[in-house]
N, C-alpha and C. Protein backbone atom coordinates (compact mmCIF):
# COMPACT_ATOMS: atom_id res chain seq x y z
N UNK A 1 -74.03 -6.54 53.56
CA UNK A 1 -74.84 -6.28 52.39
C UNK A 1 -75.47 -4.89 52.45
N UNK A 2 -75.92 -4.51 53.66
CA UNK A 2 -76.57 -3.21 53.75
C UNK A 2 -75.59 -2.07 53.53
N UNK A 3 -74.30 -2.30 53.84
CA UNK A 3 -73.32 -1.25 53.60
C UNK A 3 -73.05 -1.07 52.11
N UNK A 4 -73.13 -2.15 51.36
CA UNK A 4 -73.00 -2.05 49.90
C UNK A 4 -74.16 -1.26 49.32
N UNK A 5 -75.35 -1.52 49.82
CA UNK A 5 -76.52 -0.78 49.34
C UNK A 5 -76.44 0.70 49.72
N UNK A 6 -75.94 0.98 50.92
CA UNK A 6 -75.78 2.37 51.31
C UNK A 6 -74.74 3.08 50.45
N UNK A 7 -73.67 2.37 50.11
CA UNK A 7 -72.65 2.95 49.24
C UNK A 7 -73.22 3.24 47.85
N UNK A 8 -73.97 2.29 47.30
CA UNK A 8 -74.58 2.51 45.98
C UNK A 8 -75.61 3.64 46.02
N UNK A 9 -76.37 3.70 47.11
CA UNK A 9 -77.34 4.79 47.24
C UNK A 9 -76.63 6.14 47.32
N UNK A 10 -75.50 6.18 48.01
CA UNK A 10 -74.74 7.43 48.09
C UNK A 10 -74.21 7.82 46.71
N UNK A 11 -73.76 6.84 45.94
CA UNK A 11 -73.29 7.13 44.58
C UNK A 11 -74.43 7.67 43.72
N UNK A 12 -75.62 7.12 43.88
CA UNK A 12 -76.78 7.61 43.12
C UNK A 12 -77.12 9.04 43.53
N UNK A 13 -77.01 9.33 44.82
CA UNK A 13 -77.26 10.70 45.29
C UNK A 13 -76.25 11.66 44.70
N UNK A 14 -74.98 11.25 44.63
CA UNK A 14 -73.96 12.13 44.05
C UNK A 14 -74.23 12.38 42.57
N UNK A 15 -74.67 11.34 41.85
CA UNK A 15 -75.03 11.54 40.45
C UNK A 15 -76.24 12.45 40.30
N UNK A 16 -77.22 12.28 41.17
CA UNK A 16 -78.40 13.15 41.12
C UNK A 16 -78.02 14.59 41.45
N UNK A 17 -77.10 14.78 42.39
CA UNK A 17 -76.66 16.14 42.73
C UNK A 17 -75.88 16.77 41.59
N UNK A 18 -75.18 15.95 40.84
CA UNK A 18 -74.36 16.46 39.75
C UNK A 18 -75.21 16.80 38.53
N UNK A 19 -76.15 15.91 38.19
CA UNK A 19 -76.88 16.07 36.94
C UNK A 19 -78.35 16.43 37.10
N UNK A 20 -78.94 16.09 38.25
CA UNK A 20 -80.38 16.24 38.40
C UNK A 20 -80.78 17.54 39.04
N UNK A 21 -82.07 17.69 39.25
CA UNK A 21 -82.56 18.91 39.91
C UNK A 21 -82.24 18.90 41.40
N UNK A 22 -82.13 20.10 41.95
CA UNK A 22 -81.72 20.25 43.34
C UNK A 22 -82.69 19.59 44.34
N UNK A 23 -84.02 19.76 44.18
CA UNK A 23 -84.93 19.13 45.15
C UNK A 23 -84.83 17.60 45.17
N UNK A 24 -84.61 17.00 44.02
CA UNK A 24 -84.44 15.55 43.96
C UNK A 24 -83.18 15.14 44.72
N UNK A 25 -82.10 15.84 44.50
CA UNK A 25 -80.85 15.52 45.18
C UNK A 25 -80.98 15.68 46.69
N UNK A 26 -81.64 16.73 47.14
CA UNK A 26 -81.81 16.94 48.58
C UNK A 26 -82.71 15.87 49.19
N UNK A 27 -83.75 15.49 48.48
CA UNK A 27 -84.63 14.44 48.98
C UNK A 27 -83.93 13.10 49.08
N UNK A 28 -83.16 12.76 48.06
CA UNK A 28 -82.41 11.51 48.09
C UNK A 28 -81.35 11.53 49.18
N UNK A 29 -80.70 12.68 49.35
CA UNK A 29 -79.70 12.81 50.40
C UNK A 29 -80.34 12.60 51.77
N UNK A 30 -81.50 13.18 51.99
CA UNK A 30 -82.18 13.01 53.28
C UNK A 30 -82.54 11.55 53.52
N UNK A 31 -83.00 10.87 52.47
CA UNK A 31 -83.37 9.46 52.61
C UNK A 31 -82.16 8.59 52.93
N UNK A 32 -81.04 8.84 52.26
CA UNK A 32 -79.83 8.06 52.51
C UNK A 32 -79.26 8.39 53.89
N UNK A 33 -79.35 9.63 54.30
CA UNK A 33 -78.87 10.01 55.63
C UNK A 33 -79.68 9.31 56.72
N UNK A 34 -80.98 9.25 56.56
CA UNK A 34 -81.83 8.54 57.52
C UNK A 34 -81.50 7.05 57.53
N UNK A 35 -81.26 6.47 56.35
CA UNK A 35 -80.89 5.06 56.27
C UNK A 35 -79.54 4.80 56.94
N UNK A 36 -78.60 5.71 56.79
CA UNK A 36 -77.29 5.55 57.43
C UNK A 36 -77.41 5.63 58.95
N UNK A 37 -78.19 6.56 59.44
CA UNK A 37 -78.37 6.68 60.89
C UNK A 37 -79.09 5.46 61.44
N UNK A 38 -80.09 4.96 60.71
CA UNK A 38 -80.81 3.76 61.16
C UNK A 38 -79.88 2.55 61.19
N UNK A 39 -79.02 2.42 60.19
CA UNK A 39 -78.07 1.31 60.16
C UNK A 39 -77.07 1.43 61.30
N UNK A 40 -76.60 2.64 61.55
CA UNK A 40 -75.67 2.85 62.67
C UNK A 40 -76.32 2.47 63.99
N UNK A 41 -77.53 2.95 64.23
CA UNK A 41 -78.20 2.66 65.49
C UNK A 41 -78.50 1.17 65.63
N UNK A 42 -78.80 0.51 64.53
CA UNK A 42 -79.04 -0.93 64.57
C UNK A 42 -77.79 -1.67 65.04
N UNK A 43 -76.64 -1.28 64.53
CA UNK A 43 -75.40 -1.96 64.88
C UNK A 43 -74.81 -1.47 66.20
N UNK A 44 -75.09 -0.23 66.57
CA UNK A 44 -74.54 0.32 67.81
C UNK A 44 -75.22 -0.26 69.03
N UNK A 45 -76.43 -0.75 68.89
CA UNK A 45 -77.17 -1.27 70.04
C UNK A 45 -76.98 -2.77 70.21
N UNK A 46 -76.21 -3.42 69.34
CA UNK A 46 -75.95 -4.85 69.50
C UNK A 46 -75.05 -5.06 70.72
N UNK A 47 -75.38 -6.08 71.49
CA UNK A 47 -74.52 -6.40 72.63
C UNK A 47 -73.39 -7.30 72.18
N UNK A 48 -72.21 -7.06 72.71
CA UNK A 48 -71.06 -7.87 72.37
C UNK A 48 -70.98 -9.03 73.33
N UNK A 49 -70.79 -10.22 72.80
CA UNK A 49 -70.67 -11.42 73.62
C UNK A 49 -69.18 -11.65 73.89
N UNK A 50 -68.69 -11.06 74.96
CA UNK A 50 -67.29 -11.19 75.31
C UNK A 50 -67.14 -12.23 76.42
N UNK A 51 -66.09 -13.00 76.33
CA UNK A 51 -65.87 -14.03 77.36
C UNK A 51 -64.43 -13.90 77.88
N UNK A 52 -64.27 -13.13 78.92
CA UNK A 52 -62.98 -13.03 79.60
C UNK A 52 -63.17 -12.69 81.03
């Protein structure tokens, strides 16, 4: 679910970069970039339960 939200947020950033003012687009881009890094770190630190 969070990946769908990140994808939609990225689409909104692209629309803001295309049609909106530059500071708004840069601010939204920074927010989405931070959210992507936080999501990556959340999933990268999960331990895998392997049984072999």
